[in-house]
Amino acid sequence: MKNKRNNLKRNKSNSFSKLSIFQNNKYKFKKKCPLSIKGAPAVDYKNIKLLRRYVSENGKILPSRITNISQKKQRELSLSVKRARNLALI
């Protein structure tokens, strides 16, 4: 009984060791930030059309893991959304 448990633990650890951060790049599909590419619109609190794309129906700011926005642009975006809310533009 004890040997079976040890074997199960070993099998689990082996399966987790296969999941590595050093995998081939063919499995990682990282999209580019839509606000960092060339010709992208500037993030500004007055650009309501752009801000509405990154705000949910309930008025919450969508996370960067959903919108694929870089951390720097996500901070600018959240600041712009908050400013637009204070000025009642959104």
Protein backbone atom coordinates (compact mmCIF):
# COMPACT_ATOMS: atom_id res chain seq x y z
CA MET A 1 0.00 0.00 0.00
CA LYS A 2 2.77 2.37 0.92
CA ASN A 3 4.69 1.56 -2.27
CA LYS A 4 1.66 2.38 -4.40
CA ARG A 5 1.37 5.81 -2.78
CA ASN A 6 5.02 6.52 -3.39
CA ASN A 7 4.67 5.49 -7.03
CA LEU A 8 1.68 7.81 -7.43
CA LYS A 9 3.63 10.70 -5.95
CA ARG A 10 6.53 10.01 -8.29
CA ASN A 11 4.24 9.93 -11.33
CA LYS A 12 2.66 13.24 -10.35
CA SER A 13 6.03 14.89 -9.90
CA ASN A 14 7.16 13.59 -13.29
CA SER A 15 4.12 15.03 -15.03
CA PHE A 16 4.72 18.41 -13.41
CA SER A 17 8.38 18.38 -14.38
CA LYS A 18 7.30 18.18 -18.03
CA LEU A 19 5.52 21.51 -17.66
CA SER A 20 8.48 23.82 -17.75
CA ILE A 21 9.09 27.48 -18.45
CA PHE A 22 11.87 26.35 -20.75
CA GLN A 23 9.53 24.83 -23.32
CA ASN A 24 9.89 25.42 -27.05
CA ASN A 25 8.47 28.68 -28.34
CA LYS A 26 6.12 26.87 -30.70
CA TYR A 27 3.61 26.51 -27.83
CA LYS A 28 3.75 30.10 -26.63
CA PHE A 29 1.61 32.54 -28.57
CA LYS A 30 2.17 36.00 -27.16
CA LYS A 31 0.32 38.75 -28.96
CA LYS A 32 1.73 42.23 -29.32
CA CYS A 33 0.29 45.09 -27.32
CA PRO A 34 -2.31 46.86 -29.51
CA LEU A 35 -1.46 50.24 -27.98
CA SER A 36 2.33 49.93 -28.39
CA ILE A 37 2.51 49.14 -32.10
CA LYS A 38 3.36 51.72 -34.72
CA GLY A 39 0.41 53.95 -35.62
CA ALA A 40 -1.56 53.10 -32.47
CA PRO A 41 -3.81 55.81 -31.02
CA ALA A 42 -2.54 57.72 -28.01
CA VAL A 43 -4.06 56.83 -24.64
CA ASP A 44 -5.82 59.96 -23.42
CA TYR A 45 -8.79 60.63 -21.15
CA LYS A 46 -10.47 62.61 -23.93
CA ASN A 47 -10.41 59.68 -26.36
CA ILE A 48 -13.69 58.12 -25.22
CA LYS A 49 -14.01 55.80 -28.21
CA LEU A 50 -10.73 54.09 -27.30
CA LEU A 51 -11.47 53.93 -23.58
CA ARG A 52 -14.85 52.24 -24.06
CA ARG A 53 -13.16 49.29 -25.79
CA TYR A 54 -11.24 48.53 -22.58
CA VAL A 55 -14.10 49.00 -20.11
CA SER A 56 -16.72 46.31 -19.42
CA GLU A 57 -20.49 46.81 -19.55
CA ASN A 58 -20.49 47.33 -15.79
CA GLY A 59 -17.88 50.07 -16.06
CA LYS A 60 -14.92 48.05 -14.80
CA ILE A 61 -11.51 48.24 -16.46
CA LEU A 62 -10.70 44.98 -18.24
CA PRO A 63 -7.49 43.23 -17.09
CA SER A 64 -4.42 43.13 -19.31
CA ARG A 65 -4.50 39.32 -19.54
CA ILE A 66 -7.74 39.65 -21.51
CA THR A 67 -6.86 42.72 -23.60
CA ASN A 68 -3.14 41.83 -24.16
CA ILE A 69 -2.00 45.33 -23.20
CA SER A 70 1.48 45.83 -21.78
CA GLN A 71 1.86 46.84 -18.13
CA LYS A 72 3.00 50.36 -18.97
CA LYS A 73 0.05 51.01 -21.27
CA GLN A 74 -2.35 49.35 -18.80
CA ARG A 75 -1.32 51.86 -16.13
CA GLU A 76 -1.83 54.75 -18.55
CA LEU A 77 -5.17 53.33 -19.61
CA SER A 78 -6.44 52.90 -16.05
CA LEU A 79 -5.39 56.44 -15.17
CA SER A 80 -7.16 57.79 -18.26
CA VAL A 81 -10.35 55.84 -17.49
CA LYS A 82 -10.38 57.15 -13.93
CA ARG A 83 -9.91 60.73 -15.13
CA ALA A 84 -12.72 60.31 -17.66
CA ARG A 85 -14.99 58.97 -14.93
CA ASN A 86 -14.25 61.95 -12.68
CA LEU A 87 -15.10 64.35 -15.49
CA ALA A 88 -18.26 62.32 -16.30
CA LEU A 89 -17.12 61.57 -19.84
CA ILE A 90 -17.76 57.85 -19.38
